[in-house]
Amino acid sequence: MTSTTDFLRETSYRALPAEFFAAAPPSPAPAPQWILFNDALAAELGLPEGAATPELLELLAGGTPPEGRENIALAYSGHQFGHWNPLLGDGRAAMIGEIAAPDGAAYDVHLKGSGPTQFARRGDGRATLSAMLREYIVSEAMAGLKIPTTRSLAVVATGAPVYRDEIQPGAVLTRVARSHVRVGTFQYAAAMDTGRGGGPVLTRALADLCIARHFPEFAGSKEAYIAFYAAVVARQARLVAQWMLAGFIHGVMNTDNMSIAGETIDFGPCAFMDSYNRRQVFSSIDAAGRYAYERQAPIASWNLARLAETLLPLFDEDDAIALRRARETLEGFQPAYVAALGQGLERKLGLRPRDPGNENFIARLWRLLETGKADFTLFFRRLTQFAGGANGQAFLDLFPDEAREEAGNFLAEWRSLTAGDDFPARLALMRASNPIVIARNHRVEQALAAANEGDLAPTLRLCAALKDPFQEPSPPTGPEDDLETPPRPEERVLETFCGT
């Protein structure tokens, strides 16, 4: 490769009106250094072998873009913990272009922590190595679980300190996504249109771009805008169901953190549950539990209602008809979510699809998890082992004494429901649906602490395991290799900082 422009093309966001972005001047790092480069993702994107050149390193560290190009910061608004903020935007991030991948899709290439922009709101525009590695680890964990997600192509150390509660090493993350348009982007467009009083000009331009790029099958249709909204609703329903099935808690489901492409985006105080707790939160500032595990589907629906509000002028010229169509479409969220969650649980539990007894058994599952406070991932892992012929004692050992009898009754009912000649095929689905390794919060924190001291071995070990989380691991040679076991009480990490 002779130039980064061999695979990086101008971003399609340039086709939007100028209100949607601002120039993001380059901010070269004093001593850039590769920390992680995702060779597997690079290959998926069609990047040439050996793409991690010094030229690319300089660009991904916040340096000067290729000749004739200009990095841009995207503008958007958002409801943050329910409170309206009219102007957020990429305060410390820049879009540097996009990649036309072999799968036919276009992927944004976006730097995070690359320096302040005009949306920085008095911030320094920088990011810590810990925060960028956290996003790299967890986003790649989501990809391994086959949950739609933005991806991480690289983490680059800048060689400059970042000042937070303490001085930390700085870094830049290169994020790859099908889209960086958020619900908050549409809120920004609608607010700007209202201020100008000239109709939904900006909202229409944004919707047209999203349809052309992500939903081309709707382009040119009289029903394009309502079809677009329905598709976003359906994608979000499936996405949140997949989060729930993995025990994942996003942590900050603000409207500016919801992608219209249906990908998980913005990994701040996110984590996977250990012991089951439907009210679990990880954000240090979510005191009211707005974004708790059990609240993720209702919040997604609330966010989608905010999206509908921005699109009403495009649904119909008659306000009453537009509102009715929006409501009818949004009403599809809950049944789509329930269906996706139920189907996922049938696979995780090895149940026959749509069996009449499944609904009551799944309700019993949630009650047992709630009363027994079993480790969420190990619950399904041990059940899968039992299904494969292992002794049921390991499953029962997940529960305190007072819940053992209920757990034993659960196993007996499970055996009755799943018996049959077709069970081997359902067992294969269980094994493909129940991960062995997840990005457990204590292991992530241990890896980040080691990386801050210059030791990347725990991060590399964790990332390697998370690439195929359903694969039976080799027996651990020491405690550092045991990525399956839940944390001991003194290792539990139940709160993560919302800052970066």
Protein backbone atom coordinates (compact mmCIF):
# COMPACT_ATOMS: atom_id res chain seq x y z
CA MET A 1 0.00 0.00 0.00
CA THR A 2 1.36 3.37 -0.95
CA SER A 3 -1.31 5.64 0.47
CA THR A 4 -4.19 5.58 2.91
CA THR A 5 -6.38 6.89 0.09
CA ASP A 6 -6.10 3.49 -1.58
CA PHE A 7 -9.01 2.29 0.55
CA LEU A 8 -10.40 5.42 2.22
CA ARG A 9 -12.86 7.51 0.23
CA GLU A 10 -14.72 10.73 0.95
CA THR A 11 -17.52 10.36 3.47
CA SER A 12 -21.08 10.42 2.14
CA TYR A 13 -22.02 12.84 4.95
CA ARG A 14 -20.50 15.50 2.73
CA ALA A 15 -23.67 15.28 0.64
CA LEU A 16 -25.68 16.70 3.54
CA PRO A 17 -26.28 20.42 4.03
CA ALA A 18 -23.48 22.22 5.82
CA GLU A 19 -25.47 22.48 9.06
CA PHE A 20 -24.82 18.80 9.77
CA PHE A 21 -21.06 19.01 10.26
CA ALA A 22 -18.10 21.24 10.91
CA ALA A 23 -14.47 21.03 9.90
CA ALA A 24 -12.36 19.13 12.41
CA PRO A 25 -8.78 20.41 12.11
CA PRO A 26 -6.11 17.74 12.46
CA SER A 27 -4.43 17.39 15.82
CA PRO A 28 -1.24 15.38 15.27
CA ALA A 29 -0.07 13.23 18.16
CA PRO A 30 3.44 13.95 19.49
CA ALA A 31 4.51 10.30 19.59
CA PRO A 32 1.94 7.97 18.00
CA GLN A 33 2.32 4.26 18.57
CA TRP A 34 0.21 1.26 17.60
CA ILE A 35 -1.46 -0.37 20.60
CA LEU A 36 -3.92 -2.64 18.79
CA PHE A 37 -4.68 -3.13 15.13
CA ASN A 38 -7.59 -5.38 14.23
CA ASP A 39 -6.17 -7.44 11.38
CA ALA A 40 -9.28 -9.63 11.14
CA LEU A 41 -11.57 -6.63 10.77
CA ALA A 42 -9.17 -5.02 8.30
CA ALA A 43 -9.42 -8.15 6.14
CA GLU A 44 -13.25 -8.11 6.36
CA LEU A 45 -13.24 -4.52 5.20
CA GLY A 46 -11.01 -5.38 2.24
CA LEU A 47 -7.97 -3.46 3.44
CA PRO A 48 -4.75 -4.67 1.86
CA GLU A 49 -2.40 -6.87 3.84
CA GLY A 50 0.08 -4.75 5.72
CA ALA A 51 -2.33 -1.81 5.95
CA ALA A 52 -0.94 -0.72 9.32
CA THR A 53 1.71 1.57 7.81
CA PRO A 54 3.39 4.61 9.41
CA GLU A 55 1.24 6.79 7.16
CA LEU A 56 -1.94 5.19 8.47
CA LEU A 57 -0.65 5.41 12.04
CA GLU A 58 -0.24 9.18 11.69
CA LEU A 59 -3.74 9.56 10.27
CA LEU A 60 -5.43 7.41 12.93
CA ALA A 61 -3.62 9.27 15.69
CA GLY A 62 -5.36 12.49 14.64
CA GLY A 63 -2.95 13.64 11.98
CA THR A 64 -3.36 15.36 8.66
CA PRO A 65 -5.85 13.70 6.28
CA PRO A 66 -4.90 12.77 2.72
CA GLU A 67 -4.40 15.68 0.35
CA GLY A 68 -7.66 17.28 -0.70
CA ARG A 69 -9.60 15.86 2.24
CA GLU A 70 -10.93 17.45 5.40
CA ASN A 71 -11.97 15.64 8.56
CA ILE A 72 -15.41 16.60 9.85
CA ALA A 73 -17.22 16.52 13.20
CA LEU A 74 -20.91 15.62 13.08
CA ALA A 75 -23.60 17.72 14.73
CA TYR A 76 -26.48 16.21 16.71
CA SER A 77 -28.76 16.86 19.65
CA GLY A 78 -30.05 14.46 22.27
CA HIS A 79 -31.98 13.59 25.38
CA GLN A 80 -29.38 12.76 28.01
CA PHE A 81 -30.91 10.88 30.95
CA GLY A 82 -34.22 12.32 29.76
CA HIS A 83 -33.03 15.93 29.63
CA TRP A 84 -32.96 17.77 26.30
CA ASN A 85 -29.67 19.14 25.03
CA PRO A 86 -30.10 20.99 21.71
CA LEU A 87 -26.47 20.78 20.60
CA LEU A 88 -24.07 17.97 21.39
CA GLY A 89 -22.07 16.81 18.38
CA ASP A 90 -18.67 15.17 18.03
CA GLY A 91 -16.77 17.09 20.65
CA ARG A 92 -13.67 14.92 20.46
CA ALA A 93 -14.21 12.87 17.34
CA ALA A 94 -13.79 13.21 13.59
CA MET A 95 -15.09 11.41 10.53
CA ILE A 96 -12.13 10.79 8.24
CA GLY A 97 -13.87 8.94 5.41
CA GLU A 98 -15.52 5.66 4.55
CA ILE A 99 -14.63 2.27 3.17
CA ALA A 100 -16.43 0.37 0.41
CA ALA A 101 -16.19 -3.17 1.78
CA PRO A 102 -16.37 -6.44 -0.15
CA ASP A 103 -19.84 -7.11 1.30
CA GLY A 104 -21.13 -4.16 -0.72
CA ALA A 105 -21.74 -1.91 2.28
CA ALA A 106 -20.10 1.42 3.05
CA TYR A 107 -18.53 1.79 6.49
CA ASP A 108 -17.75 5.05 8.27
CA VAL A 109 -14.22 5.47 9.63
CA HIS A 110 -14.38 7.63 12.71
CA LEU A 111 -11.69 8.73 15.16
CA LYS A 112 -12.53 9.07 18.84
CA GLY A 113 -10.27 11.09 21.13
CA SER A 114 -8.53 12.84 18.24
CA GLY A 115 -8.75 16.38 19.60
CA PRO A 116 -11.28 19.14 20.28
CA THR A 117 -13.82 20.32 17.73
CA GLN A 118 -16.23 23.23 17.78
CA PHE A 119 -18.66 20.93 19.62
CA ALA A 120 -16.19 20.20 22.43
CA ARG A 121 -18.14 22.22 25.03
CA ARG A 122 -14.95 23.24 26.83
CA GLY A 123 -13.63 19.67 26.80
CA ASP A 124 -10.06 18.83 25.86
CA GLY A 125 -11.14 16.54 23.02
CA ARG A 126 -8.90 13.74 24.25
CA ALA A 127 -9.53 10.20 25.48
CA THR A 128 -7.73 7.95 27.89
CA LEU A 129 -6.10 4.71 26.85
CA SER A 130 -8.36 2.87 29.31
CA ALA A 131 -11.57 4.23 27.80
CA MET A 132 -10.53 3.47 24.25
CA LEU A 133 -9.37 -0.04 25.10
CA ARG A 134 -12.67 -0.65 26.90
CA GLU A 135 -14.57 0.23 23.73
CA TYR A 136 -12.24 -1.93 21.66
CA ILE A 137 -12.65 -4.94 23.96
CA VAL A 138 -16.40 -4.71 24.46
CA SER A 139 -17.31 -3.85 20.87
CA GLU A 140 -15.27 -6.81 19.64
CA ALA A 141 -16.90 -8.98 22.31
CA MET A 142 -20.28 -7.97 20.90
CA ALA A 143 -19.12 -8.87 17.39
CA GLY A 144 -18.02 -12.28 18.66
CA LEU A 145 -21.49 -12.78 20.12
CA LYS A 146 -22.95 -11.82 16.71
CA ILE A 147 -24.76 -8.83 18.16
CA PRO A 148 -24.93 -5.88 15.71
CA THR A 149 -22.29 -3.41 16.77
CA THR A 150 -19.89 -0.74 15.71
CA ARG A 151 -16.39 -2.21 15.44
CA SER A 152 -12.92 -1.16 16.51
CA LEU A 153 -10.20 -1.12 13.89
CA ALA A 154 -7.36 0.28 15.99
CA VAL A 155 -6.22 1.89 19.20
CA VAL A 156 -3.29 4.27 18.89
CA ALA A 157 -1.38 5.79 21.80
CA THR A 158 -0.77 9.49 21.28
CA GLY A 159 2.23 9.87 23.55
CA ALA A 160 0.48 12.75 25.34
CA PRO A 161 -1.01 12.65 28.84
CA VAL A 162 -4.73 13.12 29.49
CA TYR A 163 -5.78 14.89 32.66
CA ARG A 164 -8.79 13.39 34.45
CA ASP A 165 -9.00 12.54 38.17
CA GLU A 166 -5.42 11.50 37.62
CA ILE A 167 -2.97 11.75 34.75
CA GLN A 168 -3.46 8.91 32.29
CA PRO A 169 -1.97 7.97 28.92
CA GLY A 170 -3.92 9.28 25.94
CA ALA A 171 -5.16 7.28 22.96
CA VAL A 172 -7.35 7.45 19.86
CA LEU A 173 -9.82 4.75 18.85
CA THR A 174 -10.69 4.12 15.21
CA ARG A 175 -14.34 3.12 15.08
CA VAL A 176 -15.97 1.54 12.03
CA ALA A 177 -19.76 1.66 11.65
CA ARG A 178 -22.44 1.30 9.04
CA SER A 179 -23.76 4.64 10.20
CA HIS A 180 -23.06 7.43 12.67
CA VAL A 181 -26.53 8.90 12.22
CA ARG A 182 -28.28 8.78 15.56
CA VAL A 183 -31.79 9.50 16.77
CA GLY A 184 -30.17 12.67 18.08
CA THR A 185 -29.09 13.61 14.54
CA PHE A 186 -32.73 13.65 13.47
CA GLN A 187 -33.63 15.63 16.59
CA TYR A 188 -31.00 18.18 15.63
CA ALA A 189 -32.32 18.40 12.06
CA ALA A 190 -35.91 18.84 13.23
CA ALA A 191 -34.93 21.52 15.75
CA MET A 192 -32.99 23.40 13.07
CA ASP A 193 -35.94 23.13 10.67
CA THR A 194 -38.29 24.50 13.32
CA GLY A 195 -35.97 27.43 13.97
CA ARG A 196 -35.79 28.27 10.27
CA GLY A 197 -39.52 27.90 9.68
CA GLY A 198 -39.15 26.59 6.14
CA GLY A 199 -40.51 23.08 6.51
CA PRO A 200 -38.63 19.80 7.06
CA VAL A 201 -35.78 20.62 4.68
CA LEU A 202 -32.92 19.30 6.80
CA THR A 203 -34.94 16.39 8.16
CA ARG A 204 -35.83 15.31 4.63
CA ALA A 205 -32.22 15.57 3.46
CA LEU A 206 -31.05 13.42 6.36
CA ALA A 207 -33.79 10.84 5.86
CA ASP A 208 -33.04 10.67 2.14
CA LEU A 209 -29.36 10.04 2.84
CA CYS A 210 -30.17 7.28 5.34
CA ILE A 211 -32.61 5.62 2.95
CA ALA A 212 -30.20 5.78 0.01
CA ARG A 213 -27.33 4.37 2.02
CA HIS A 214 -28.98 1.90 4.41
CA PHE A 215 -32.45 1.13 3.02
CA PRO A 216 -32.18 1.56 -0.77
CA GLU A 217 -35.16 -0.76 -1.26
CA PHE A 218 -37.39 2.10 -0.03
CA ALA A 219 -35.92 4.80 -2.27
CA GLY A 220 -38.44 6.39 -4.61
CA SER A 221 -41.44 4.87 -2.85
CA LYS A 222 -44.34 7.06 -1.71
CA GLU A 223 -44.11 5.18 1.57
CA ALA A 224 -40.33 5.55 1.90
CA TYR A 225 -40.28 7.54 5.14
CA ILE A 226 -42.72 5.43 7.12
CA ALA A 227 -41.01 2.29 5.78
CA PHE A 228 -37.67 3.71 6.94
CA TYR A 229 -39.07 4.38 10.40
CA ALA A 230 -40.59 0.89 10.59
CA ALA A 231 -37.25 -0.65 9.65
CA VAL A 232 -35.42 1.31 12.37
CA VAL A 233 -38.05 0.23 14.92
CA ALA A 234 -37.64 -3.42 13.92
CA ARG A 235 -33.85 -3.27 14.07
CA GLN A 236 -33.86 -1.71 17.51
CA ALA A 237 -36.31 -4.31 18.80
CA ARG A 238 -34.03 -7.11 17.66
CA LEU A 239 -30.91 -5.38 18.96
CA VAL A 240 -32.22 -4.81 22.49
CA ALA A 241 -33.50 -8.40 22.62
CA GLN A 242 -29.98 -9.58 21.78
CA TRP A 243 -28.55 -7.38 24.56
CA MET A 244 -30.97 -8.93 27.02
CA LEU A 245 -30.14 -12.47 25.92
CA ALA A 246 -26.45 -11.80 26.57
CA GLY A 247 -26.99 -10.04 29.90
CA PHE A 248 -25.56 -6.87 28.41
CA ILE A 249 -26.31 -3.46 29.89
CA HIS A 250 -25.52 -0.51 27.64
CA GLY A 251 -25.53 1.98 30.49
CA VAL A 252 -26.25 5.25 28.64
CA MET A 253 -29.14 4.84 26.19
CA ASN A 254 -29.43 8.55 25.46
CA THR A 255 -31.02 9.41 22.11
CA ASP A 256 -27.62 10.49 20.84
CA ASN A 257 -26.36 6.96 21.58
CA MET A 258 -28.93 5.14 19.41
CA SER A 259 -27.87 4.42 15.84
CA ILE A 260 -30.47 4.28 13.08
CA ALA A 261 -28.49 1.36 11.61
CA GLY A 262 -29.42 -0.83 14.60
CA GLU A 263 -25.83 -1.22 15.79
CA THR A 264 -24.62 -0.97 19.36
CA ILE A 265 -22.76 2.32 19.63
CA ASP A 266 -20.91 4.32 22.30
CA PHE A 267 -19.47 2.00 24.92
CA GLY A 268 -19.12 3.97 28.14
CA PRO A 269 -20.27 2.46 31.44
CA CYS A 270 -21.47 -0.73 29.75
CA ALA A 271 -20.97 -4.23 31.13
CA PHE A 272 -22.23 -7.79 31.15
CA MET A 273 -24.07 -8.93 34.26
CA ASP A 274 -22.54 -11.46 36.58
CA SER A 275 -25.19 -12.41 39.17
CA TYR A 276 -28.65 -11.81 37.76
CA ASN A 277 -30.26 -8.56 38.83
CA ARG A 278 -33.00 -7.09 36.65
CA ARG A 279 -32.35 -3.66 38.19
CA GLN A 280 -28.59 -3.78 37.55
CA VAL A 281 -26.93 -0.57 36.41
CA PHE A 282 -23.25 0.09 35.85
CA SER A 283 -23.14 3.82 35.19
CA SER A 284 -21.80 5.77 38.14
CA ILE A 285 -24.28 8.58 37.43
CA ASP A 286 -27.45 6.53 36.80
CA ALA A 287 -28.68 6.83 40.37
CA ALA A 288 -32.35 6.48 39.36
CA GLY A 289 -31.76 3.33 37.29
CA ARG A 290 -33.12 4.88 34.10
CA TYR A 291 -30.93 2.60 31.99
CA ALA A 292 -31.07 -0.54 34.13
CA TYR A 293 -31.15 -3.99 32.53
CA GLU A 294 -34.94 -4.32 32.76
CA ARG A 295 -35.47 -0.78 31.42
CA GLN A 296 -33.63 -1.17 28.12
CA ALA A 297 -36.63 -2.13 25.98
CA PRO A 298 -38.92 0.62 27.38
CA ILE A 299 -36.14 3.19 26.90
CA ALA A 300 -35.54 2.04 23.32
CA SER A 301 -39.25 2.52 22.64
CA TRP A 302 -39.13 5.98 24.26
CA ASN A 303 -36.18 6.94 22.09
CA LEU A 304 -37.98 5.71 18.98
CA ALA A 305 -40.95 7.89 19.90
CA ARG A 306 -38.58 10.86 19.86
CA LEU A 307 -37.42 9.78 16.39
CA ALA A 308 -41.04 9.61 15.21
CA GLU A 309 -41.61 13.16 16.40
CA THR A 310 -38.91 14.39 14.04
CA LEU A 311 -40.30 12.48 11.06
CA LEU A 312 -43.98 13.40 11.40
CA PRO A 313 -43.89 16.05 8.62
CA LEU A 314 -42.56 13.39 6.24
CA PHE A 315 -45.20 10.80 7.10
CA ASP A 316 -48.15 12.87 5.91
CA GLU A 317 -49.14 16.48 5.35
CA ASP A 318 -52.14 15.94 7.63
CA ASP A 319 -50.85 16.10 11.22
CA ALA A 320 -53.50 13.71 12.56
CA ILE A 321 -52.77 11.09 9.90
CA ALA A 322 -49.01 11.44 10.42
CA LEU A 323 -49.41 10.96 14.17
CA ARG A 324 -51.64 7.92 13.73
CA ARG A 325 -49.16 6.30 11.34
CA ALA A 326 -46.29 6.96 13.72
CA ARG A 327 -48.16 5.46 16.66
CA GLU A 328 -49.21 2.39 14.70
CA THR A 329 -45.64 1.80 13.57
CA LEU A 330 -44.14 2.27 17.03
CA GLU A 331 -46.71 -0.14 18.45
CA GLY A 332 -44.85 -2.80 16.48
CA PHE A 333 -41.79 -2.43 18.70
CA GLN A 334 -43.07 -4.38 21.69
CA PRO A 335 -44.33 -7.49 19.84
CA ALA A 336 -41.16 -7.54 17.71
CA TYR A 337 -39.01 -7.29 20.85
CA VAL A 338 -41.00 -9.96 22.71
CA ALA A 339 -40.82 -12.28 19.71
CA ALA A 340 -37.06 -11.84 19.30
CA LEU A 341 -36.46 -12.33 23.02
CA GLY A 342 -38.70 -15.40 23.15
CA GLN A 343 -37.11 -17.00 20.11
CA GLY A 344 -33.66 -16.33 21.53
CA LEU A 345 -34.60 -17.91 24.85
CA GLU A 346 -36.01 -20.95 23.09
CA ARG A 347 -32.62 -21.43 21.44
CA LYS A 348 -30.70 -20.81 24.67
CA LEU A 349 -32.91 -23.28 26.55
CA GLY A 350 -33.15 -25.91 23.82
CA LEU A 351 -36.94 -25.67 23.66
CA ARG A 352 -39.06 -26.57 20.68
CA PRO A 353 -40.02 -23.38 18.85
CA ARG A 354 -43.49 -22.11 19.72
CA ASP A 355 -44.28 -25.04 22.02
CA PRO A 356 -47.41 -24.21 24.10
CA GLY A 357 -45.52 -24.81 27.35
CA ASN A 358 -42.65 -22.45 26.56
CA GLU A 359 -44.22 -19.22 27.78
CA ASN A 360 -44.89 -20.50 31.31
CA PHE A 361 -41.47 -22.15 31.48
CA ILE A 362 -39.71 -18.94 30.43
CA ALA A 363 -41.63 -17.03 33.11
CA ARG A 364 -40.36 -19.62 35.58
CA LEU A 365 -36.82 -19.06 34.29
CA TRP A 366 -36.97 -15.34 35.14
CA ARG A 367 -38.36 -16.08 38.62
CA LEU A 368 -35.59 -18.58 39.33
CA LEU A 369 -32.90 -16.16 38.15
CA GLU A 370 -34.41 -13.43 40.31
CA THR A 371 -34.74 -15.47 43.51
CA GLY A 372 -31.54 -17.48 43.07
CA LYS A 373 -29.36 -14.61 41.79
CA ALA A 374 -27.37 -17.10 39.74
CA ASP A 375 -24.60 -15.96 37.44
CA PHE A 376 -26.44 -15.13 34.20
CA THR A 377 -23.90 -16.54 31.74
CA LEU A 378 -23.04 -19.60 33.82
CA PHE A 379 -26.73 -20.44 34.27
CA PHE A 380 -27.09 -21.14 30.55
CA ARG A 381 -23.58 -22.58 30.28
CA ARG A 382 -24.23 -25.17 33.01
CA LEU A 383 -27.66 -25.97 31.60
CA THR A 384 -26.02 -26.62 28.22
CA GLN A 385 -23.46 -28.90 29.87
CA PHE A 386 -26.28 -30.76 31.63
CA ALA A 387 -28.08 -31.08 28.29
CA GLY A 388 -24.91 -32.64 26.88
CA GLY A 389 -24.82 -35.31 29.57
CA ALA A 390 -23.00 -33.68 32.47
CA ASN A 391 -24.10 -34.15 36.05
CA GLY A 392 -26.69 -31.59 37.13
CA GLN A 393 -24.84 -30.81 40.36
CA ALA A 394 -22.77 -28.06 38.74
CA PHE A 395 -26.01 -26.32 37.75
CA LEU A 396 -27.47 -26.66 41.24
CA ASP A 397 -24.25 -25.31 42.77
CA LEU A 398 -25.01 -21.94 41.17
CA PHE A 399 -27.77 -21.39 43.72
CA PRO A 400 -27.85 -20.76 47.47
CA ASP A 401 -29.29 -23.51 49.65
CA GLU A 402 -32.71 -21.91 49.88
CA ALA A 403 -33.08 -21.95 46.07
CA ARG A 404 -31.71 -25.44 45.36
CA GLU A 405 -35.08 -27.17 45.48
CA GLU A 406 -36.59 -24.69 43.03
CA ALA A 407 -33.55 -25.12 40.75
CA GLY A 408 -33.94 -28.90 40.88
CA ASN A 409 -37.61 -28.64 39.95
CA PHE A 410 -36.64 -26.33 37.09
CA LEU A 411 -34.21 -28.96 35.75
CA ALA A 412 -36.86 -31.68 35.98
CA GLU A 413 -39.40 -29.59 34.07
CA TRP A 414 -36.74 -28.64 31.53
CA ARG A 415 -35.95 -32.31 30.89
CA SER A 416 -39.63 -33.06 30.38
CA LEU A 417 -40.12 -30.18 27.95
CA THR A 418 -37.04 -30.90 25.85
CA ALA A 419 -37.18 -34.72 25.58
CA GLY A 420 -37.52 -36.13 22.09
CA ASP A 421 -35.70 -37.51 19.08
CA ASP A 422 -35.13 -33.99 17.75
CA PHE A 423 -33.19 -32.87 20.80
CA PRO A 424 -29.65 -33.23 19.29
CA ALA A 425 -30.42 -30.43 16.84
CA ARG A 426 -31.72 -28.24 19.65
CA LEU A 427 -28.64 -29.03 21.75
CA ALA A 428 -26.50 -27.75 18.88
CA LEU A 429 -28.49 -24.50 18.98
CA MET A 430 -27.93 -24.25 22.74
CA ARG A 431 -24.18 -24.58 22.24
CA ALA A 432 -24.26 -21.91 19.52
CA SER A 433 -26.37 -19.55 21.64
CA ASN A 434 -24.80 -19.73 25.10
CA PRO A 435 -21.32 -18.16 25.30
CA ILE A 436 -18.61 -19.67 27.44
CA VAL A 437 -16.56 -16.49 27.66
CA ILE A 438 -17.89 -12.95 27.93
CA ALA A 439 -16.14 -9.66 28.61
CA ARG A 440 -16.62 -9.90 32.36
CA ASN A 441 -16.23 -6.52 33.95
CA HIS A 442 -13.53 -7.53 36.43
CA ARG A 443 -11.41 -9.05 33.65
CA VAL A 444 -11.84 -5.94 31.52
CA GLU A 445 -10.79 -3.72 34.42
CA GLN A 446 -7.78 -5.93 35.16
CA ALA A 447 -6.74 -5.74 31.50
CA LEU A 448 -7.09 -1.95 31.45
CA ALA A 449 -5.06 -1.54 34.63
CA ALA A 450 -2.28 -3.68 33.18
CA ALA A 451 -2.34 -1.75 29.89
CA ASN A 452 -1.89 1.53 31.73
CA GLU A 453 1.31 0.02 33.12
CA GLY A 454 2.48 -1.01 29.66
CA ASP A 455 1.39 -4.66 29.83
CA LEU A 456 -0.94 -5.57 26.95
CA ALA A 457 -0.86 -9.33 27.55
CA PRO A 458 -4.18 -9.47 29.49
CA THR A 459 -5.92 -7.38 26.80
CA LEU A 460 -4.59 -9.58 24.00
CA ARG A 461 -5.54 -12.75 25.89
CA LEU A 462 -9.07 -11.47 26.51
CA CYS A 463 -9.59 -10.28 22.94
CA ALA A 464 -8.41 -13.63 21.55
CA ALA A 465 -10.95 -15.51 23.69
CA LEU A 466 -13.78 -13.14 22.81
CA LYS A 467 -13.37 -13.71 19.06
CA ASP A 468 -15.12 -17.08 19.42
CA PRO A 469 -16.91 -17.01 22.77
CA PHE A 470 -18.79 -20.26 22.07
CA GLN A 471 -15.60 -22.30 21.63
CA GLU A 472 -14.60 -24.61 24.48
CA PRO A 473 -11.41 -23.06 25.89
CA SER A 474 -8.24 -24.92 26.73
CA PRO A 475 -7.89 -25.64 30.46
CA PRO A 476 -6.41 -22.55 32.14
CA THR A 477 -2.76 -22.82 33.09
CA GLY A 478 -3.16 -20.19 35.81
CA PRO A 479 -5.66 -17.73 37.27
CA GLU A 480 -4.90 -15.19 34.56
CA ASP A 481 -6.06 -17.66 31.88
CA ASP A 482 -9.39 -18.42 33.57
CA LEU A 483 -11.78 -16.14 31.69
CA GLU A 484 -14.89 -18.24 32.36
CA THR A 485 -15.15 -18.12 36.15
CA PRO A 486 -17.23 -15.29 37.67
CA PRO A 487 -15.47 -12.81 39.95
CA ARG A 488 -14.93 -13.49 43.61
CA PRO A 489 -16.81 -11.04 45.86
CA GLU A 490 -13.72 -8.87 46.28
CA GLU A 491 -13.20 -8.76 42.47
CA ARG A 492 -16.70 -7.60 41.53
CA VAL A 493 -16.93 -4.33 39.62
CA LEU A 494 -20.48 -3.00 39.88
CA GLU A 495 -19.93 0.57 38.78
CA THR A 496 -18.08 2.15 35.92
CA PHE A 497 -17.33 5.82 35.40
CA CYS A 498 -19.36 7.57 32.71
CA GLY A 499 -16.43 9.80 31.75
CA THR A 500 -13.50 9.06 29.46
